[in-house]
């Protein structure tokens, strides 16, 4: 620690250093042209093809068993439900 400086002064110098860096980055970014993506027409889904239970099962079974916290239903739960449903239908 530098001698003669209080902890508060050191902390303020440290904060000022990083605030200055952030302001310099912001100033540099302000000179860039704003990115505007090209507008693309996306077709509307007006018709759907009906799938059989076997086709749905095949699609679900081919999914990678990966999930993230944002998934409403984790893939492993979906697959286990599918397995339970198949077993229950044979009882």
Protein backbone atom coordinates (compact mmCIF):
# COMPACT_ATOMS: atom_id res chain seq x y z
CA UNK A 1 0.00 0.00 0.00
CA UNK A 2 1.28 3.47 -0.80
CA UNK A 3 2.42 5.25 2.33
CA UNK A 4 0.63 8.39 3.42
CA UNK A 5 -2.65 7.59 1.65
CA UNK A 6 -5.76 6.53 3.48
CA UNK A 7 -7.67 3.42 2.52
CA UNK A 8 -10.50 5.65 1.32
CA UNK A 9 -8.18 7.64 -0.96
CA UNK A 10 -6.70 4.45 -2.41
CA UNK A 11 -10.18 3.03 -3.05
CA UNK A 12 -11.29 6.28 -4.71
CA UNK A 13 -8.20 6.32 -6.95
CA UNK A 14 -8.87 2.70 -7.89
CA UNK A 15 -12.52 3.47 -8.72
CA UNK A 16 -11.56 6.60 -10.69
CA UNK A 17 -9.06 4.58 -12.73
CA UNK A 18 -11.70 2.09 -13.88
CA UNK A 19 -14.40 4.72 -14.41
CA UNK A 20 -11.94 6.56 -16.65
CA UNK A 21 -11.30 3.36 -18.63
CA UNK A 22 -15.04 2.76 -19.05
CA UNK A 23 -15.63 6.33 -20.21
CA UNK A 24 -12.81 6.05 -22.78
CA UNK A 25 -14.34 2.82 -24.14
CA UNK A 26 -17.79 4.44 -24.34
CA UNK A 27 -16.35 7.44 -26.17
CA UNK A 28 -14.57 5.16 -28.63
CA UNK A 29 -17.74 3.14 -29.26
CA UNK A 30 -19.79 6.29 -29.84
CA UNK A 31 -17.84 6.95 -33.04
CA UNK A 32 -18.90 3.63 -34.59
CA UNK A 33 -21.79 3.54 -37.02
CA UNK A 34 -24.91 2.03 -35.47
CA UNK A 35 -25.52 -1.49 -36.80
CA UNK A 36 -28.87 -1.99 -38.47
CA UNK A 37 -29.51 -5.56 -39.63
CA UNK A 38 -31.09 -6.15 -43.02
CA UNK A 39 -34.84 -6.63 -42.86
CA UNK A 40 -35.83 -10.10 -43.99
CA UNK A 41 -39.32 -11.30 -44.74
CA UNK A 42 -40.18 -14.35 -42.69
CA UNK A 43 -42.98 -16.52 -44.03
CA UNK A 44 -45.94 -17.08 -41.77
CA UNK A 45 -46.76 -20.65 -40.78
CA UNK A 46 -50.21 -21.17 -42.23
CA UNK A 47 -50.23 -24.94 -42.59
CA UNK A 48 -48.85 -27.68 -40.43
CA UNK A 49 -48.35 -31.30 -41.29
CA UNK A 50 -49.90 -33.69 -38.80
CA UNK A 51 -47.42 -36.11 -37.26
CA UNK A 52 -48.02 -39.58 -35.96
CA UNK A 53 -47.12 -40.52 -32.38
CA UNK A 54 -44.22 -42.58 -33.70
CA UNK A 55 -42.85 -39.59 -35.66
CA UNK A 56 -43.06 -37.36 -32.57
CA UNK A 57 -41.38 -40.06 -30.46
CA UNK A 58 -38.58 -40.41 -33.03
CA UNK A 59 -37.99 -36.64 -33.10
CA UNK A 60 -37.90 -36.39 -29.30
CA UNK A 61 -35.58 -39.38 -28.96
CA UNK A 62 -33.14 -37.82 -31.44
CA UNK A 63 -32.89 -34.60 -29.39
CA UNK A 64 -29.62 -34.12 -27.56
CA UNK A 65 -30.16 -34.43 -23.82
CA UNK A 66 -29.03 -30.88 -23.08
CA UNK A 67 -30.87 -28.20 -21.19
CA UNK A 68 -30.39 -24.80 -19.65
CA UNK A 69 -32.12 -23.00 -16.80
CA UNK A 70 -34.33 -21.14 -19.28
CA UNK A 71 -35.92 -24.31 -20.69
CA UNK A 72 -39.54 -24.69 -19.66
CA UNK A 73 -39.11 -28.46 -19.71
CA UNK A 74 -35.63 -30.04 -19.65
CA UNK A 75 -35.03 -32.57 -22.43
CA UNK A 76 -34.30 -35.38 -19.98
CA UNK A 77 -37.71 -34.84 -18.34
CA UNK A 78 -39.44 -34.80 -21.74
CA UNK A 79 -37.68 -38.04 -22.71
CA UNK A 80 -38.52 -39.71 -19.39
CA UNK A 81 -42.17 -38.67 -19.77
CA UNK A 82 -42.17 -40.20 -23.25
CA UNK A 83 -40.75 -43.46 -21.85
CA UNK A 84 -43.34 -43.54 -19.04
CA UNK A 85 -46.17 -42.80 -21.47
CA UNK A 86 -45.09 -45.62 -23.77
CA UNK A 87 -44.84 -48.06 -20.84
CA UNK A 88 -48.22 -46.95 -19.44
CA UNK A 89 -49.94 -47.47 -22.78
CA UNK A 90 -48.85 -51.13 -22.77
CA UNK A 91 -50.37 -51.88 -19.33
